[in-house]
């Protein structure tokens, strides 16, 4: 097998043509949902009150995530920081030009009086304006640390760009999975409502039969028990739906008063076309994580060379020019002595700095970075194996969920028919309420498993797209499970909102 540096290069670079860029503006349908200011902090309850439920499609969710997500913005800022650091390191190739003006201008006045031994006194003074400026230029002819420092900064910049692409693709996956979770929560709410309606119908029938004297109190209690179970299922589903909505809102960084809902119903997105082997090879060529490890090896080697440069000679060429002007008394002269003039000084030459002995610190730092490069070669092997495991895990889970969709679909269809027949038998008086309750519970569980299978399948499909870079998915039309509606459909039975009791009173709920 070929080595990675031969395939990707020792210092791989990001190819923008192979990366789907992030969105640069919001879609017209969601342009009124920009992210709030990053430092905004609500202080009043009305500022976090939900005033709008906004239905969103999967495409709109991905668009909002790419524009609004604060973590992606932070990663983009890190790319800019790495670019600025690279520019700072490249500046080592340019000369340094310094301007120093100690007095621009300066005024100096000094007066001194001397008393003579013969009597009398003398007065000496200085009254002068002066100005001085110095310009120096220096450039490193030989700098052993310059080239490896720039190479390390360039690799760090490329690594930051790879990290941004990785974060962007991970964000798209997170947005899709959060949307699928919301679709699943919506399905759970739908299933819970249908179960409650069915339980209300069963309870109504059992009470009517009990009042007619053809059923026992036990059948009424069984119907009430099943209704309580279904109401609990609906309560949990509503809570999960609220959590899923707010989780998606947090990922999209939506305004505080907006909660997203799923506009698209839950359905199978398509069929994965590539084989497992094709998916693994595509992942090796697609994943930027492997390129990052190669860059880590290159960065460590460059830092080792820079460490050795600390004990190598540094040769600079310099040039300087000093100028000064003065006007006033010469120091130490009488008050009537006035002078003015200027001076100039120019210099050019070389200077050498060589750290002959540092106790072995530079060699130790270089050895440490070489060892870090060796460590990263092992990290490459570890990451390569983990990439394959991720693809295989998603592929096998996709196959499992594909089979689960088939089996749970059959289970839902047969459970619906069994419930219909059980109700007919119960209405004919040839069976008990227990059979109806059991079949109704089986149907609810089957629908929950069917919904979970579709959600898990779509998640694994999104994972394969993320982990391989392939988009070879054969779409399939939306399908609904066939069902035979029993006589006296339960759709007209309203699901009344249940009163929320304190936990201490939950043991005495009262009549249904």
Protein backbone atom coordinates (compact mmCIF):
# COMPACT_ATOMS: atom_id res chain seq x y z
CA UNK A 1 0.00 0.00 0.00
CA UNK A 2 1.25 3.54 -0.72
CA UNK A 3 2.28 5.83 2.10
CA UNK A 4 0.13 8.81 2.96
CA UNK A 5 2.82 11.46 2.16
CA UNK A 6 3.09 9.98 -1.33
CA UNK A 7 -0.67 10.22 -1.82
CA UNK A 8 -1.55 13.46 -0.06
CA UNK A 9 1.86 15.13 0.14
CA UNK A 10 3.89 15.89 3.24
CA UNK A 11 2.16 19.26 3.56
CA UNK A 12 -1.36 18.86 2.12
CA UNK A 13 -3.32 21.97 1.22
CA UNK A 14 -7.06 22.55 1.11
CA UNK A 15 -8.58 22.43 -2.37
CA UNK A 16 -11.54 24.85 -2.35
CA UNK A 17 -12.98 23.21 -5.46
CA UNK A 18 -13.62 20.01 -3.51
CA UNK A 19 -15.36 21.72 -0.59
CA UNK A 20 -18.97 22.86 -0.67
CA UNK A 21 -18.67 26.40 0.71
CA UNK A 22 -20.79 27.63 3.55
CA UNK A 23 -23.77 29.83 2.77
CA UNK A 24 -23.06 33.55 2.69
CA UNK A 25 -26.60 34.86 3.07
CA UNK A 26 -29.90 33.64 4.44
CA UNK A 27 -32.54 32.24 2.12
CA UNK A 28 -35.40 34.65 1.37
CA UNK A 29 -37.81 32.48 3.35
CA UNK A 30 -35.73 32.78 6.55
CA UNK A 31 -34.01 36.12 6.08
CA UNK A 32 -35.99 37.45 9.06
CA UNK A 33 -34.23 34.97 11.39
CA UNK A 34 -30.71 36.37 11.75
CA UNK A 35 -28.72 35.46 14.82
CA UNK A 36 -29.04 37.93 17.70
CA UNK A 37 -26.01 39.95 18.74
CA UNK A 38 -23.32 37.70 20.18
CA UNK A 39 -23.20 39.66 23.45
CA UNK A 40 -26.97 40.02 23.82
CA UNK A 41 -28.26 38.87 27.21
CA UNK A 42 -32.02 38.86 28.03
CA UNK A 43 -32.92 40.43 31.36
CA UNK A 44 -36.74 40.31 31.32
CA UNK A 45 -39.14 37.35 30.96
CA UNK A 46 -40.90 38.90 27.97
CA UNK A 47 -37.59 38.89 26.09
CA UNK A 48 -37.48 35.08 26.11
CA UNK A 49 -41.21 34.47 25.63
CA UNK A 50 -41.94 32.34 22.57
CA UNK A 51 -44.14 34.30 20.19
CA UNK A 52 -43.68 32.35 16.95
CA UNK A 53 -43.51 28.71 15.91
CA UNK A 54 -41.67 28.70 12.58
CA UNK A 55 -41.97 25.60 10.34
CA UNK A 56 -38.62 24.90 8.66
CA UNK A 57 -37.44 22.47 6.01
CA UNK A 58 -34.14 20.59 6.22
CA UNK A 59 -32.58 22.91 3.64
CA UNK A 60 -33.61 25.97 5.62
CA UNK A 61 -32.19 24.46 8.80
CA UNK A 62 -28.80 23.86 7.15
CA UNK A 63 -28.80 27.40 5.76
CA UNK A 64 -29.55 28.92 9.16
CA UNK A 65 -26.91 26.76 10.85
CA UNK A 66 -24.19 27.84 8.43
CA UNK A 67 -25.02 31.52 8.88
CA UNK A 68 -25.99 31.69 12.56
CA UNK A 69 -24.09 29.02 14.48
CA UNK A 70 -21.68 30.77 16.88
CA UNK A 71 -19.24 27.86 17.09
CA UNK A 72 -18.69 27.93 13.32
CA UNK A 73 -18.09 31.69 13.54
CA UNK A 74 -15.50 31.07 16.26
CA UNK A 75 -13.72 28.49 14.06
CA UNK A 76 -13.73 30.98 11.18
CA UNK A 77 -12.12 33.52 13.53
CA UNK A 78 -9.39 30.99 14.30
CA UNK A 79 -8.65 30.76 10.57
CA UNK A 80 -8.24 34.52 10.46
CA UNK A 81 -5.96 34.36 13.50
CA UNK A 82 -3.78 31.71 11.86
CA UNK A 83 -3.55 33.84 8.72
CA UNK A 84 -2.49 36.87 10.76
CA UNK A 85 0.14 34.76 12.51
CA UNK A 86 1.47 33.61 9.12
CA UNK A 87 1.69 37.20 7.95
CA UNK A 88 3.60 38.08 11.12
CA UNK A 89 6.11 35.28 10.48
CA UNK A 90 6.58 36.25 6.82
CA UNK A 91 7.56 39.73 8.02
CA UNK A 92 10.92 38.24 9.04
CA UNK A 93 11.97 38.50 5.38
CA UNK A 94 11.58 42.28 5.51
CA UNK A 95 14.04 44.75 7.03
CA UNK A 96 13.32 46.55 10.28
CA UNK A 97 13.27 50.35 10.03
CA UNK A 98 13.25 52.30 13.29
CA UNK A 99 12.93 56.03 13.94
CA UNK A 100 14.08 57.41 17.29
CA UNK A 101 13.75 61.07 18.28
CA UNK A 102 14.93 61.79 21.80
CA UNK A 103 14.33 65.56 21.51
CA UNK A 104 11.92 66.80 18.91
CA UNK A 105 12.52 69.57 19.92
CA UNK A 106 13.85 70.15 23.42
CA UNK A 107 14.53 73.30 25.44
CA UNK A 108 17.18 73.48 28.13
CA UNK A 109 17.85 76.42 30.45
CA UNK A 110 20.50 76.28 33.19
CA UNK A 111 21.73 79.17 35.32
CA UNK A 112 24.69 78.96 37.73
CA UNK A 113 26.04 81.74 40.05
CA UNK A 114 29.58 81.62 41.53
CA UNK A 115 30.74 83.77 44.45
CA UNK A 116 34.39 84.86 44.09
CA UNK A 117 36.84 84.88 47.05
CA UNK A 118 37.93 88.45 46.23
CA UNK A 119 34.35 89.57 46.38
CA UNK A 120 31.71 89.86 43.76
CA UNK A 121 30.15 87.02 41.71
CA UNK A 122 29.88 85.60 38.21
CA UNK A 123 26.84 84.17 36.37
CA UNK A 124 26.95 81.39 33.79
CA UNK A 125 23.88 80.15 31.91
CA UNK A 126 22.69 77.85 29.16
CA UNK A 127 19.70 78.77 27.06
CA UNK A 128 19.35 76.34 24.17
CA UNK A 129 16.86 74.80 21.76
CA UNK A 130 17.90 71.40 20.36
CA UNK A 131 16.52 68.59 18.19
CA UNK A 132 17.82 65.14 17.33
CA UNK A 133 16.64 62.19 15.27
CA UNK A 134 18.11 58.76 14.51
CA UNK A 135 17.07 56.32 11.77
CA UNK A 136 18.30 52.73 11.80
CA UNK A 137 17.64 49.88 9.37
CA UNK A 138 18.51 46.23 9.92
CA UNK A 139 17.95 43.07 7.90
CA UNK A 140 18.89 39.51 8.71
CA UNK A 141 21.18 38.08 6.05
CA UNK A 142 21.30 34.73 7.85
CA UNK A 143 18.50 33.70 10.22
CA UNK A 144 18.28 29.93 10.82
CA UNK A 145 14.89 30.26 12.57
CA UNK A 146 13.17 32.25 9.84
CA UNK A 147 12.37 29.55 7.27
CA UNK A 148 11.15 26.87 9.72
CA UNK A 149 9.05 29.43 11.62
CA UNK A 150 7.31 30.51 8.43
CA UNK A 151 6.83 26.89 7.37
CA UNK A 152 5.23 26.03 10.72
CA UNK A 153 2.93 29.08 10.55
CA UNK A 154 1.90 28.17 6.99
CA UNK A 155 1.07 24.61 8.08
CA UNK A 156 -0.89 25.95 11.05
CA UNK A 157 -2.87 28.16 8.68
CA UNK A 158 -3.68 25.19 6.45
CA UNK A 159 -4.59 23.16 9.50
CA UNK A 160 -6.98 25.89 10.65
CA UNK A 161 -8.65 25.87 7.22
CA UNK A 162 -9.04 22.10 7.41
CA UNK A 163 -10.54 22.48 10.89
CA UNK A 164 -13.07 24.98 9.56
CA UNK A 165 -14.14 22.55 6.83
CA UNK A 166 -14.40 19.74 9.38
CA UNK A 167 -16.51 21.92 11.68
CA UNK A 168 -18.71 23.00 8.77
CA UNK A 169 -19.42 19.43 7.73
CA UNK A 170 -19.96 18.35 11.33
CA UNK A 171 -22.39 21.23 11.76
CA UNK A 172 -24.36 20.12 8.71
CA UNK A 173 -24.54 16.62 10.18
CA UNK A 174 -25.62 17.97 13.59
CA UNK A 175 -28.30 20.12 11.96
CA UNK A 176 -29.65 17.15 9.99
CA UNK A 177 -29.66 14.87 13.04
CA UNK A 178 -31.36 17.52 15.18
CA UNK A 179 -34.00 17.92 12.46
CA UNK A 180 -34.52 14.15 12.34
CA UNK A 181 -34.87 14.08 16.13
CA UNK A 182 -37.54 16.77 15.86
CA UNK A 183 -39.36 14.79 13.20
CA UNK A 184 -39.22 11.75 15.46
CA UNK A 185 -40.60 13.77 18.36
CA UNK A 186 -43.44 14.97 16.15
CA UNK A 187 -44.17 11.37 15.23
CA UNK A 188 -44.21 10.36 18.88
CA UNK A 189 -46.74 13.11 19.59
CA UNK A 190 -48.89 11.92 16.70
CA UNK A 191 -48.71 8.32 17.91
CA UNK A 192 -49.50 9.40 21.46
CA UNK A 193 -52.57 11.34 20.33
CA UNK A 194 -53.84 8.42 18.24
CA UNK A 195 -53.31 6.07 21.18
CA UNK A 196 -55.20 8.37 23.53
CA UNK A 197 -58.06 8.63 21.02
CA UNK A 198 -58.16 4.85 20.67
CA UNK A 199 -58.14 4.42 24.45
CA UNK A 200 -60.98 6.93 24.82
CA UNK A 201 -63.02 4.93 22.28
CA UNK A 202 -62.28 1.70 24.16
CA UNK A 203 -63.19 3.29 27.48
CA UNK A 204 -66.42 4.68 26.02
CA UNK A 205 -67.40 1.28 24.62
CA UNK A 206 -66.54 -0.59 27.82
CA UNK A 207 -68.53 1.85 29.95
CA UNK A 208 -71.50 1.55 27.62
CA UNK A 209 -71.36 -2.24 27.76
CA UNK A 210 -70.97 -2.15 31.55
CA UNK A 211 -74.04 0.05 31.90
CA UNK A 212 -75.91 -2.34 29.59
CA UNK A 213 -74.95 -5.23 31.86
CA UNK A 214 -72.96 -7.16 29.26
CA UNK A 215 -69.49 -6.29 30.57
CA UNK A 216 -67.77 -6.36 33.93
CA UNK A 217 -66.16 -3.62 35.99
CA UNK A 218 -62.80 -5.29 35.29
CA UNK A 219 -63.07 -4.41 31.60
CA UNK A 220 -63.75 -0.78 32.44
CA UNK A 221 -60.72 -0.70 34.74
CA UNK A 222 -58.54 -2.26 32.03
CA UNK A 223 -59.64 0.45 29.58
CA UNK A 224 -58.92 3.16 32.14
CA UNK A 225 -55.47 1.67 32.79
CA UNK A 226 -54.63 1.67 29.09
CA UNK A 227 -55.85 5.27 28.79
CA UNK A 228 -53.52 6.29 31.63
CA UNK A 229 -50.60 4.58 29.86
CA UNK A 230 -51.34 6.35 26.61
CA UNK A 231 -51.73 9.70 28.35
CA UNK A 232 -48.32 9.19 29.89
CA UNK A 233 -46.93 8.34 26.45
CA UNK A 234 -48.40 11.54 25.04
CA UNK A 235 -47.05 13.60 27.95
CA UNK A 236 -43.54 12.25 27.43
CA UNK A 237 -43.81 12.82 23.69
CA UNK A 238 -44.89 16.44 24.14
CA UNK A 239 -41.96 17.05 26.50
CA UNK A 240 -39.52 15.44 24.06
CA UNK A 241 -40.96 17.54 21.26
CA UNK A 242 -40.40 20.76 23.22
CA UNK A 243 -36.84 19.74 24.08
CA UNK A 244 -36.08 18.80 20.45
CA UNK A 245 -37.42 22.14 19.22
CA UNK A 246 -35.33 24.15 21.64
CA UNK A 247 -32.26 22.02 20.92
CA UNK A 248 -32.61 22.87 17.24
CA UNK A 249 -33.18 26.54 18.09
CA UNK A 250 -29.97 26.56 20.14
CA UNK A 251 -28.00 25.01 17.29
CA UNK A 252 -29.37 27.58 14.84
CA UNK A 253 -28.94 30.51 17.27
CA UNK A 254 -32.42 31.77 16.45
CA UNK A 255 -33.98 34.89 17.99
CA UNK A 256 -35.12 34.38 21.57
CA UNK A 257 -38.83 34.59 20.69
CA UNK A 258 -38.79 31.98 17.87
CA UNK A 259 -39.06 28.20 18.18
CA UNK A 260 -38.56 26.03 15.05
CA UNK A 261 -40.85 23.19 14.04
CA UNK A 262 -40.41 20.50 11.41
CA UNK A 263 -42.20 21.33 8.19
CA UNK A 264 -41.28 18.06 6.45
CA UNK A 265 -42.80 14.80 7.74
CA UNK A 266 -40.57 11.91 8.73
CA UNK A 267 -39.83 9.62 5.79
CA UNK A 268 -37.02 7.54 4.35
CA UNK A 269 -34.68 9.83 2.44
CA UNK A 270 -33.20 7.31 0.05
CA UNK A 271 -30.97 4.29 -0.51
CA UNK A 272 -27.19 4.28 -0.13
CA UNK A 273 -25.65 3.18 -3.44
CA UNK A 274 -21.86 2.68 -2.86
CA UNK A 275 -20.56 -0.55 -1.41
CA UNK A 276 -18.81 -0.76 1.94
CA UNK A 277 -15.39 -0.99 0.32
CA UNK A 278 -16.05 2.03 -1.90
CA UNK A 279 -17.26 3.97 1.11
CA UNK A 280 -14.08 3.20 3.11
CA UNK A 281 -11.73 4.23 0.31
CA UNK A 282 -13.74 7.40 -0.30
CA UNK A 283 -13.50 8.26 3.39
CA UNK A 284 -9.70 7.94 3.32
CA UNK A 285 -9.52 10.34 0.38
CA UNK A 286 -12.16 12.73 1.69
CA UNK A 287 -11.56 13.18 5.42
CA UNK A 288 -9.52 16.23 6.35
CA UNK A 289 -8.63 14.69 9.70
CA UNK A 290 -5.87 12.66 8.01
CA UNK A 291 -4.53 15.79 6.32
CA UNK A 292 -4.46 17.49 9.70
CA UNK A 293 -2.29 14.74 11.18
CA UNK A 294 0.16 15.05 8.27
CA UNK A 295 0.32 18.78 8.92
CA UNK A 296 0.95 18.10 12.61
CA UNK A 297 3.97 16.01 11.59
CA UNK A 298 5.25 18.81 9.36
CA UNK A 299 4.67 21.44 12.07
CA UNK A 300 6.62 19.39 14.62
CA UNK A 301 9.55 18.97 12.21
CA UNK A 302 9.58 22.70 11.44
CA UNK A 303 9.53 23.56 15.14
CA UNK A 304 12.48 21.17 15.66
CA UNK A 305 14.46 23.04 12.99
CA UNK A 306 13.53 26.36 14.60
CA UNK A 307 14.78 25.10 17.97
CA UNK A 308 18.15 24.18 16.46
CA UNK A 309 18.33 27.67 14.99
CA UNK A 310 18.72 29.10 18.50
CA UNK A 311 22.37 27.96 18.62
CA UNK A 312 23.25 28.85 15.02
CA UNK A 313 24.82 32.17 13.94
CA UNK A 314 22.57 35.13 13.17
CA UNK A 315 24.09 37.65 10.76
CA UNK A 316 22.50 41.07 10.25
CA UNK A 317 23.34 44.01 8.02
CA UNK A 318 22.53 47.40 9.46
CA UNK A 319 22.62 51.06 8.48
CA UNK A 320 22.07 54.09 10.68
CA UNK A 321 21.82 57.83 10.36
CA UNK A 322 21.79 60.32 13.25
CA UNK A 323 21.14 64.06 12.94
CA UNK A 324 21.00 66.85 15.52
CA UNK A 325 20.38 70.58 15.55
CA UNK A 326 20.85 73.18 18.29
CA UNK A 327 20.43 76.89 18.72
CA UNK A 328 21.42 78.74 21.90
CA UNK A 329 24.13 79.16 24.47
CA UNK A 330 26.95 76.72 24.71
CA UNK A 331 26.92 75.13 28.16
CA UNK A 332 29.33 76.78 30.57
CA UNK A 333 29.74 80.03 28.66
CA UNK A 334 28.68 83.52 29.52
CA UNK A 335 25.25 84.83 28.76
CA UNK A 336 26.49 86.77 25.76
CA UNK A 337 27.96 83.71 24.00
CA UNK A 338 25.39 82.32 21.51
CA UNK A 339 25.99 79.41 19.18
CA UNK A 340 23.98 77.38 16.67
CA UNK A 341 24.79 74.44 14.45
CA UNK A 342 24.10 70.80 13.52
CA UNK A 343 25.76 67.36 13.46
CA UNK A 344 25.29 64.27 11.33
CA UNK A 345 26.45 60.70 11.80
CA UNK A 346 26.04 57.82 9.29
CA UNK A 347 27.04 54.18 9.79
CA UNK A 348 26.72 50.85 7.96
CA UNK A 349 28.02 47.40 8.77
CA UNK A 350 27.38 43.82 9.87
CA UNK A 351 26.72 42.35 13.28
CA UNK A 352 26.86 38.73 14.35
CA UNK A 353 25.12 36.94 17.21
CA UNK A 354 26.00 33.35 18.00
CA UNK A 355 24.87 31.48 21.11
CA UNK A 356 27.82 29.14 21.43
CA UNK A 357 26.56 27.14 24.41
CA UNK A 358 23.11 26.90 25.98
CA UNK A 359 23.51 23.79 28.08
CA UNK A 360 21.88 21.57 25.43
CA UNK A 361 18.46 23.26 25.65
CA UNK A 362 18.08 23.77 21.87
CA UNK A 363 19.07 20.19 21.11
CA UNK A 364 16.61 18.90 23.71
CA UNK A 365 13.77 21.01 22.30
CA UNK A 366 14.56 19.81 18.79
CA UNK A 367 14.61 16.20 19.97
CA UNK A 368 11.27 16.71 21.71
CA UNK A 369 9.66 18.01 18.51
CA UNK A 370 11.10 15.13 16.48
CA UNK A 371 9.56 12.77 18.98
CA UNK A 372 6.27 14.65 18.66
CA UNK A 373 6.43 14.12 14.89
CA UNK A 374 6.97 10.41 15.52
CA UNK A 375 3.99 10.40 17.88
CA UNK A 376 1.83 11.96 15.19
CA UNK A 377 2.73 9.16 12.79
CA UNK A 378 1.16 6.76 15.29
CA UNK A 379 -1.81 9.14 15.61
CA UNK A 380 -2.23 8.91 11.84
CA UNK A 381 -2.55 5.13 12.04
CA UNK A 382 -4.99 5.46 14.92
CA UNK A 383 -7.10 8.01 13.04
CA UNK A 384 -7.03 5.91 9.87
CA UNK A 385 -8.36 2.88 11.73
CA UNK A 386 -11.02 4.95 13.52
CA UNK A 387 -12.21 6.40 10.19
CA UNK A 388 -12.75 2.93 8.81
CA UNK A 389 -14.56 1.87 11.97
CA UNK A 390 -16.85 4.91 11.76
CA UNK A 391 -17.79 4.11 8.15
CA UNK A 392 -18.33 0.43 8.93
CA UNK A 393 -20.40 1.26 11.99
CA UNK A 394 -22.66 3.61 10.02
CA UNK A 395 -22.90 1.14 7.12
CA UNK A 396 -23.88 -1.83 9.30
CA UNK A 397 -26.27 0.29 11.35
CA UNK A 398 -27.84 1.49 8.10
CA UNK A 399 -28.42 -2.10 7.00
CA UNK A 400 -29.87 -2.95 10.40
CA UNK A 401 -32.25 0.00 10.33
CA UNK A 402 -33.21 -0.86 6.76
CA UNK A 403 -34.29 -4.31 7.92
CA UNK A 404 -35.99 -2.80 10.96
CA UNK A 405 -38.05 -0.52 8.73
CA UNK A 406 -39.27 -3.55 6.80
CA UNK A 407 -40.09 -5.63 9.86
CA UNK A 408 -41.66 -2.81 11.87
CA UNK A 409 -43.76 -1.79 8.86
CA UNK A 410 -45.16 -5.31 8.69
CA UNK A 411 -45.69 -5.21 12.43
CA UNK A 412 -47.64 -1.95 12.21
CA UNK A 413 -49.87 -3.27 9.42
CA UNK A 414 -50.61 -6.54 11.19
CA UNK A 415 -51.15 -4.76 14.53
CA UNK A 416 -53.66 -2.39 12.95
CA UNK A 417 -55.59 -5.28 11.49
CA UNK A 418 -55.42 -7.21 14.77
CA UNK A 419 -56.82 -4.21 16.64
CA UNK A 420 -59.62 -3.85 14.12
CA UNK A 421 -60.57 -7.53 14.46
CA UNK A 422 -60.31 -7.40 18.25
CA UNK A 423 -62.72 -4.48 18.39
CA UNK A 424 -65.15 -6.29 16.12
CA UNK A 425 -64.92 -9.36 18.34
CA UNK A 426 -65.40 -7.22 21.45
CA UNK A 427 -68.45 -5.49 19.95
CA UNK A 428 -69.85 -8.94 19.04
CA UNK A 429 -69.32 -10.10 22.62
CA UNK A 430 -66.98 -12.98 21.77
CA UNK A 431 -63.88 -11.54 23.51
CA UNK A 432 -62.96 -9.33 26.43
CA UNK A 433 -61.59 -5.83 26.79
CA UNK A 434 -58.18 -7.34 27.66
CA UNK A 435 -57.69 -8.51 24.07
CA UNK A 436 -58.53 -5.03 22.73
CA UNK A 437 -56.15 -3.37 25.23
CA UNK A 438 -53.32 -5.77 24.40
CA UNK A 439 -53.70 -5.26 20.66
CA UNK A 440 -53.91 -1.50 21.08
CA UNK A 441 -50.70 -1.51 23.14
CA UNK A 442 -49.01 -3.69 20.52
CA UNK A 443 -50.00 -1.23 17.80
CA UNK A 444 -48.64 1.74 19.75
CA UNK A 445 -45.32 -0.02 20.39
CA UNK A 446 -45.08 -1.05 16.74
CA UNK A 447 -45.65 2.50 15.51
CA UNK A 448 -43.03 3.81 17.93
CA UNK A 449 -40.50 1.24 16.70
CA UNK A 450 -41.33 2.05 13.08
CA UNK A 451 -40.78 5.75 13.70
CA UNK A 452 -37.50 5.07 15.51
CA UNK A 453 -36.30 2.87 12.66
CA UNK A 454 -36.92 5.61 10.08
CA UNK A 455 -35.16 8.23 12.20
CA UNK A 456 -32.16 6.00 12.88
CA UNK A 457 -31.96 5.10 9.18
CA UNK A 458 -31.91 8.75 8.12
CA UNK A 459 -29.27 9.54 10.75
CA UNK A 460 -27.00 6.76 9.53
CA UNK A 461 -27.53 7.94 5.97
CA UNK A 462 -26.46 11.46 6.96
CA UNK A 463 -23.44 10.02 8.79
CA UNK A 464 -22.31 8.12 5.71
CA UNK A 465 -22.59 11.24 3.59
CA UNK A 466 -20.50 13.13 6.15
CA UNK A 467 -17.91 10.40 6.68
CA UNK A 468 -17.33 9.48 3.04
CA UNK A 469 -18.02 12.68 1.11
CA UNK A 470 -20.23 10.71 -1.26
CA UNK A 471 -23.72 11.78 -2.22
CA UNK A 472 -24.81 8.73 -4.20
CA UNK A 473 -28.25 8.30 -2.68
CA UNK A 474 -31.17 7.04 -4.72
CA UNK A 475 -34.16 9.00 -3.46
CA UNK A 476 -37.45 7.24 -2.92
CA UNK A 477 -40.97 8.69 -2.90
CA UNK A 478 -42.80 9.20 0.32
CA UNK A 479 -44.98 6.23 1.26
CA UNK A 480 -47.65 5.74 3.88
CA UNK A 481 -48.40 2.43 5.51
CA UNK A 482 -51.71 0.97 4.34
CA UNK A 483 -54.34 0.63 6.99
CA UNK A 484 -57.90 -0.50 7.24
CA UNK A 485 -59.84 1.93 9.39
CA UNK A 486 -62.16 0.19 11.81
CA UNK A 487 -65.81 1.02 11.82
CA UNK A 488 -66.48 4.11 13.87
CA UNK A 489 -63.17 5.85 13.34
CA UNK A 490 -61.65 7.42 16.41
CA UNK A 491 -60.51 10.62 14.66
CA UNK A 492 -63.59 12.42 15.89
CA UNK A 493 -62.74 11.75 19.53
CA UNK A 494 -61.05 14.87 20.92
CA UNK A 495 -57.99 14.58 23.11
CA UNK A 496 -58.77 16.86 26.02
CA UNK A 497 -55.78 18.48 27.73
CA UNK A 498 -55.18 16.88 31.09
CA UNK A 499 -54.89 19.08 34.18
CA UNK A 500 -51.36 19.12 35.57
CA UNK A 501 -51.51 17.97 39.19
CA UNK A 502 -48.78 18.55 41.75
CA UNK A 503 -46.57 15.54 42.27
CA UNK A 504 -47.89 15.11 45.83
CA UNK A 505 -51.46 14.80 44.50
CA UNK A 506 -50.67 12.60 41.51
CA UNK A 507 -51.68 9.48 43.42
CA UNK A 508 -55.31 10.74 43.61
CA UNK A 509 -56.08 11.94 40.09
CA UNK A 510 -59.82 11.60 40.41
CA UNK A 511 -62.18 10.42 37.65
CA UNK A 512 -61.12 10.45 33.99
